[in-house]
């Protein structure tokens, strides 16, 4: 498994944690921040994977 795949998995996990914060903790600001970070990490992994 390459580094790009690991970044994609980490991005998905962070995005799922963001949804947890939004539903359970009722913190919209933290949800949006973590969702943005997760999407950025996932997209970086996609870009690194497509260059090979």
PDB file of N, CA and C in Angstrom:
ATOM      1  N   UNK A   1       0.856  -1.177   0.000  1.00  0.00           N
ATOM      2  CA  UNK A   1       0.000   0.000   0.000  1.00  0.00           C
ATOM      3  C   UNK A   1       0.898   1.234   0.000  1.00  0.00           C
ATOM      4  N   UNK A   2       0.649   2.106  -0.937  1.00  0.00           N
ATOM      5  CA  UNK A   2       1.474   3.292  -1.076  1.00  0.00           C
ATOM      6  C   UNK A   2       1.065   4.410  -0.138  1.00  0.00           C
ATOM      7  N   UNK A   3       1.915   5.410  -0.094  1.00  0.00           N
ATOM      8  CA  UNK A   3       1.658   6.564   0.774  1.00  0.00           C
ATOM      9  C   UNK A   3       0.404   7.315   0.361  1.00  0.00           C
ATOM     10  N   UNK A   4       0.131   7.349  -0.938  1.00  0.00           N
ATOM     11  CA  UNK A   4      -1.060   8.053  -1.411  1.00  0.00           C
ATOM     12  C   UNK A   4      -2.340   7.367  -0.907  1.00  0.00           C
ATOM     13  N   UNK A   5      -2.351   6.030  -0.891  1.00  0.00           N
ATOM     14  CA  UNK A   5      -3.507   5.300  -0.362  1.00  0.00           C
ATOM     15  C   UNK A   5      -3.703   5.561   1.124  1.00  0.00           C
ATOM     16  N   UNK A   6      -2.599   5.627   1.853  1.00  0.00           N
ATOM     17  CA  UNK A   6      -2.682   5.899   3.291  1.00  0.00           C
ATOM     18  C   UNK A   6      -3.267   7.283   3.524  1.00  0.00           C
ATOM     19  N   UNK A   7      -2.836   8.268   2.727  1.00  0.00           N
ATOM     20  CA  UNK A   7      -3.399   9.616   2.855  1.00  0.00           C
ATOM     21  C   UNK A   7      -4.894   9.625   2.552  1.00  0.00           C
ATOM     22  N   UNK A   8      -5.319   8.872   1.558  1.00  0.00           N
ATOM     23  CA  UNK A   8      -6.739   8.814   1.233  1.00  0.00           C
ATOM     24  C   UNK A   8      -7.538   8.199   2.372  1.00  0.00           C
ATOM     25  N   UNK A   9      -7.020   7.141   2.969  1.00  0.00           N
ATOM     26  CA  UNK A   9      -7.718   6.501   4.084  1.00  0.00           C
ATOM     27  C   UNK A   9      -7.793   7.441   5.280  1.00  0.00           C
ATOM     28  N   UNK A  10      -6.704   8.141   5.564  1.00  0.00           N
ATOM     29  CA  UNK A  10      -6.697   9.091   6.677  1.00  0.00           C
ATOM     30  C   UNK A  10      -7.711  10.213   6.414  1.00  0.00           C
ATOM     31  N   UNK A  11      -7.790  10.683   5.191  1.00  0.00           N
ATOM     32  CA  UNK A  11      -8.761  11.722   4.845  1.00  0.00           C
ATOM     33  C   UNK A  11     -10.190  11.265   5.055  1.00  0.00           C
ATOM     34  N   UNK A  12     -10.490  10.029   4.693  1.00  0.00           N
ATOM     35  CA  UNK A  12     -11.838   9.494   4.890  1.00  0.00           C
ATOM     36  C   UNK A  12     -12.149   9.357   6.374  1.00  0.00           C
ATOM     37  N   UNK A  13     -11.173   8.888   7.150  1.00  0.00           N
ATOM     38  CA  UNK A  13     -11.388   8.730   8.595  1.00  0.00           C
ATOM     39  C   UNK A  13     -11.630  10.082   9.255  1.00  0.00           C
ATOM     40  N   UNK A  14     -10.873  11.098   8.867  1.00  0.00           N
ATOM     41  CA  UNK A  14     -11.062  12.435   9.436  1.00  0.00           C
ATOM     42  C   UNK A  14     -12.444  12.980   9.054  1.00  0.00           C
ATOM     43  N   UNK A  15     -12.885  12.728   7.827  1.00  0.00           N
ATOM     44  CA  UNK A  15     -14.201  13.189   7.404  1.00  0.00           C
ATOM     45  C   UNK A  15     -15.306  12.473   8.185  1.00  0.00           C
ATOM     46  N   UNK A  16     -15.136  11.194   8.445  1.00  0.00           N
ATOM     47  CA  UNK A  16     -16.128  10.468   9.247  1.00  0.00           C
ATOM     48  C   UNK A  16     -16.140  10.957  10.687  1.00  0.00           C
ATOM     49  N   UNK A  17     -14.973  11.270  11.236  1.00  0.00           N
ATOM     50  CA  UNK A  17     -14.926  11.849  12.572  1.00  0.00           C
ATOM     51  C   UNK A  17     -15.619  13.214  12.606  1.00  0.00           C
ATOM     52  N   UNK A  18     -15.508  13.962  11.520  1.00  0.00           N
ATOM     53  CA  UNK A  18     -16.182  15.254  11.449  1.00  0.00           C
ATOM     54  C   UNK A  18     -17.693  15.074  11.516  1.00  0.00           C
ATOM     55  N   UNK A  19     -18.205  14.066  10.839  1.00  0.00           N
ATOM     56  CA  UNK A  19     -19.641  13.817  10.909  1.00  0.00           C
ATOM     57  C   UNK A  19     -20.056  13.391  12.310  1.00  0.00           C
ATOM     58  N   UNK A  20     -19.197  12.643  12.993  1.00  0.00           N
ATOM     59  CA  UNK A  20     -19.461  12.265  14.385  1.00  0.00           C
ATOM     60  C   UNK A  20     -19.557  13.514  15.261  1.00  0.00           C
ATOM     61  N   UNK A  21     -18.618  14.444  15.096  1.00  0.00           N
ATOM     62  CA  UNK A  21     -18.657  15.669  15.888  1.00  0.00           C
ATOM     63  C   UNK A  21     -19.926  16.461  15.606  1.00  0.00           C
ATOM     64  N   UNK A  22     -20.365  16.465  14.372  1.00  0.00           N
ATOM     65  CA  UNK A  22     -21.568  17.217  14.027  1.00  0.00           C
ATOM     66  C   UNK A  22     -22.836  16.608  14.597  1.00  0.00           C
ATOM     67  N   UNK A  23     -22.918  15.284  14.595  1.00  0.00           N
ATOM     68  CA  UNK A  23     -24.135  14.626  15.049  1.00  0.00           C
ATOM     69  C   UNK A  23     -24.174  14.483  16.567  1.00  0.00           C
ATOM     70  N   UNK A  24     -23.113  13.956  17.144  1.00  0.00           N
ATOM     71  CA  UNK A  24     -23.114  13.641  18.571  1.00  0.00           C
ATOM     72  C   UNK A  24     -22.761  14.846  19.435  1.00  0.00           C
ATOM     73  N   UNK A  25     -21.718  15.549  19.083  1.00  0.00           N
ATOM     74  CA  UNK A  25     -21.249  16.668  19.904  1.00  0.00           C
ATOM     75  C   UNK A  25     -21.989  17.968  19.593  1.00  0.00           C
ATOM     76  N   UNK A  26     -22.696  18.011  18.470  1.00  0.00           N
ATOM     77  CA  UNK A  26     -23.455  19.193  18.050  1.00  0.00           C
ATOM     78  C   UNK A  26     -22.561  20.434  17.948  1.00  0.00           C
ATOM     79  N   UNK A  27     -21.408  20.260  17.306  1.00  0.00           N
ATOM     80  CA  UNK A  27     -20.462  21.352  17.126  1.00  0.00           C
ATOM     81  C   UNK A  27     -20.258  21.560  15.623  1.00  0.00           C
ATOM     82  N   UNK A  28     -21.006  22.488  15.062  1.00  0.00           N
ATOM     83  CA  UNK A  28     -20.971  22.723  13.626  1.00  0.00           C
ATOM     84  C   UNK A  28     -19.630  23.304  13.174  1.00  0.00           C
ATOM     85  N   UNK A  29     -19.045  24.174  13.993  1.00  0.00           N
ATOM     86  CA  UNK A  29     -17.768  24.787  13.619  1.00  0.00           C
ATOM     87  C   UNK A  29     -16.671  23.725  13.529  1.00  0.00           C
ATOM     88  N   UNK A  30     -16.592  22.845  14.526  1.00  0.00           N
ATOM     89  CA  UNK A  30     -15.578  21.788  14.512  1.00  0.00           C
ATOM     90  C   UNK A  30     -15.853  20.801  13.383  1.00  0.00           C
ATOM     91  N   UNK A  31     -17.120  20.530  13.105  1.00  0.00           N
ATOM     92  CA  UNK A  31     -17.472  19.610  12.022  1.00  0.00           C
ATOM     93  C   UNK A  31     -16.984  20.137  10.684  1.00  0.00           C
ATOM     94  N   UNK A  32     -17.237  21.391  10.405  1.00  0.00           N
ATOM     95  CA  UNK A  32     -16.842  21.956   9.118  1.00  0.00           C
ATOM     96  C   UNK A  32     -15.317  22.047   8.985  1.00  0.00           C
ATOM     97  N   UNK A  33     -14.638  22.373  10.077  1.00  0.00           N
ATOM     98  CA  UNK A  33     -13.182  22.460  10.045  1.00  0.00           C
ATOM     99  C   UNK A  33     -12.564  21.087   9.785  1.00  0.00           C
ATOM    100  N   UNK A  34     -13.041  20.071  10.497  1.00  0.00           N
ATOM    101  CA  UNK A  34     -12.493  18.726  10.316  1.00  0.00           C
ATOM    102  C   UNK A  34     -12.857  18.163   8.944  1.00  0.00           C
ATOM    103  N   UNK A  35     -14.043  18.483   8.451  1.00  0.00           N
ATOM    104  CA  UNK A  35     -14.445  18.026   7.121  1.00  0.00           C
ATOM    105  C   UNK A  35     -13.551  18.644   6.049  1.00  0.00           C
ATOM    106  N   UNK A  36     -13.242  19.913   6.195  1.00  0.00           N
ATOM    107  CA  UNK A  36     -12.348  20.588   5.256  1.00  0.00           C
ATOM    108  C   UNK A  36     -10.955  19.963   5.287  1.00  0.00           C
ATOM    109  N   UNK A  37     -10.444  19.702   6.481  1.00  0.00           N
ATOM    110  CA  UNK A  37      -9.126  19.081   6.612  1.00  0.00           C
ATOM    111  C   UNK A  37      -9.127  17.683   5.997  1.00  0.00           C
ATOM    112  N   UNK A  38     -10.184  16.915   6.241  1.00  0.00           N
ATOM    113  CA  UNK A  38     -10.280  15.572   5.677  1.00  0.00           C
ATOM    114  C   UNK A  38     -10.319  15.579   4.163  1.00  0.00           C
ATOM    115  N   UNK A  39     -11.053  16.509   3.595  1.00  0.00           N
ATOM    116  CA  UNK A  39     -11.147  16.609   2.135  1.00  0.00           C
ATOM    117  C   UNK A  39      -9.802  17.008   1.543  1.00  0.00           C
ATOM    118  N   UNK A  40      -9.105  17.915   2.186  1.00  0.00           N
ATOM    119  CA  UNK A  40      -7.793  18.344   1.691  1.00  0.00           C
ATOM    120  C   UNK A  40      -6.794  17.185   1.738  1.00  0.00           C
ATOM    121  N   UNK A  41      -6.788  16.433   2.840  1.00  0.00           N
ATOM    122  CA  UNK A  41      -5.880  15.287   2.950  1.00  0.00           C
ATOM    123  C   UNK A  41      -6.216  14.243   1.896  1.00  0.00           C
ATOM    124  N   UNK A  42      -7.513  13.952   1.719  1.00  0.00           N
ATOM    125  CA  UNK A  42      -7.933  12.967   0.730  1.00  0.00           C
ATOM    126  C   UNK A  42      -7.525  13.407  -0.677  1.00  0.00           C
ATOM    127  N   UNK A  43      -7.741  14.668  -0.997  1.00  0.00           N
ATOM    128  CA  UNK A  43      -7.424  15.164  -2.332  1.00  0.00           C
ATOM    129  C   UNK A  43      -5.920  15.147  -2.589  1.00  0.00           C
ATOM    130  N   UNK A  44      -5.108  15.445  -1.558  1.00  0.00           N
ATOM    131  CA  UNK A  44      -3.648  15.346  -1.708  1.00  0.00           C
ATOM    132  C   UNK A  44      -3.239  13.913  -2.016  1.00  0.00           C
ATOM    133  N   UNK A  45      -3.879  12.959  -1.359  1.00  0.00           N
ATOM    134  CA  UNK A  45      -3.605  11.557  -1.644  1.00  0.00           C
ATOM    135  C   UNK A  45      -3.997  11.185  -3.061  1.00  0.00           C
ATOM    136  N   UNK A  46      -5.124  11.709  -3.536  1.00  0.00           N
ATOM    137  CA  UNK A  46      -5.548  11.438  -4.911  1.00  0.00           C
ATOM    138  C   UNK A  46      -4.565  12.007  -5.919  1.00  0.00           C
ATOM    139  N   UNK A  47      -4.091  13.219  -5.678  1.00  0.00           N
ATOM    140  CA  UNK A  47      -3.127  13.835  -6.596  1.00  0.00           C
ATOM    141  C   UNK A  47      -1.812  13.065  -6.620  1.00  0.00           C
ATOM    142  N   UNK A  48      -1.357  12.623  -5.458  1.00  0.00           N
ATOM    143  CA  UNK A  48      -0.109  11.856  -5.407  1.00  0.00           C
ATOM    144  C   UNK A  48      -0.266  10.512  -6.101  1.00  0.00           C
ATOM    145  N   UNK A  49      -1.427   9.911  -6.004  1.00  0.00           N
ATOM    146  CA  UNK A  49      -1.670   8.613  -6.637  1.00  0.00           C
ATOM    147  C   UNK A  49      -1.804   8.694  -8.146  1.00  0.00           C
ATOM    148  N   UNK A  50      -2.323   9.817  -8.623  1.00  0.00           N
ATOM    149  CA  UNK A  50      -2.526   9.934 -10.073  1.00  0.00           C
ATOM    150  C   UNK A  50      -1.236  10.281 -10.812  1.00  0.00           C
ATOM    151  N   UNK A  51      -0.221  10.736 -10.120  1.00  0.00           N
ATOM    152  CA  UNK A  51       1.037  11.113 -10.765  1.00  0.00           C
ATOM    153  C   UNK A  51       1.921   9.916 -11.063  1.00  0.00           C
ATOM    154  N   UNK A  52       1.620   8.778 -10.458  1.00  0.00           N
ATOM    155  CA  UNK A  52       2.474   7.588 -10.682  1.00  0.00           C
ATOM    156  C   UNK A  52       2.163   6.902 -11.977  1.00  0.00           C
TER     157      UNK A  52
END
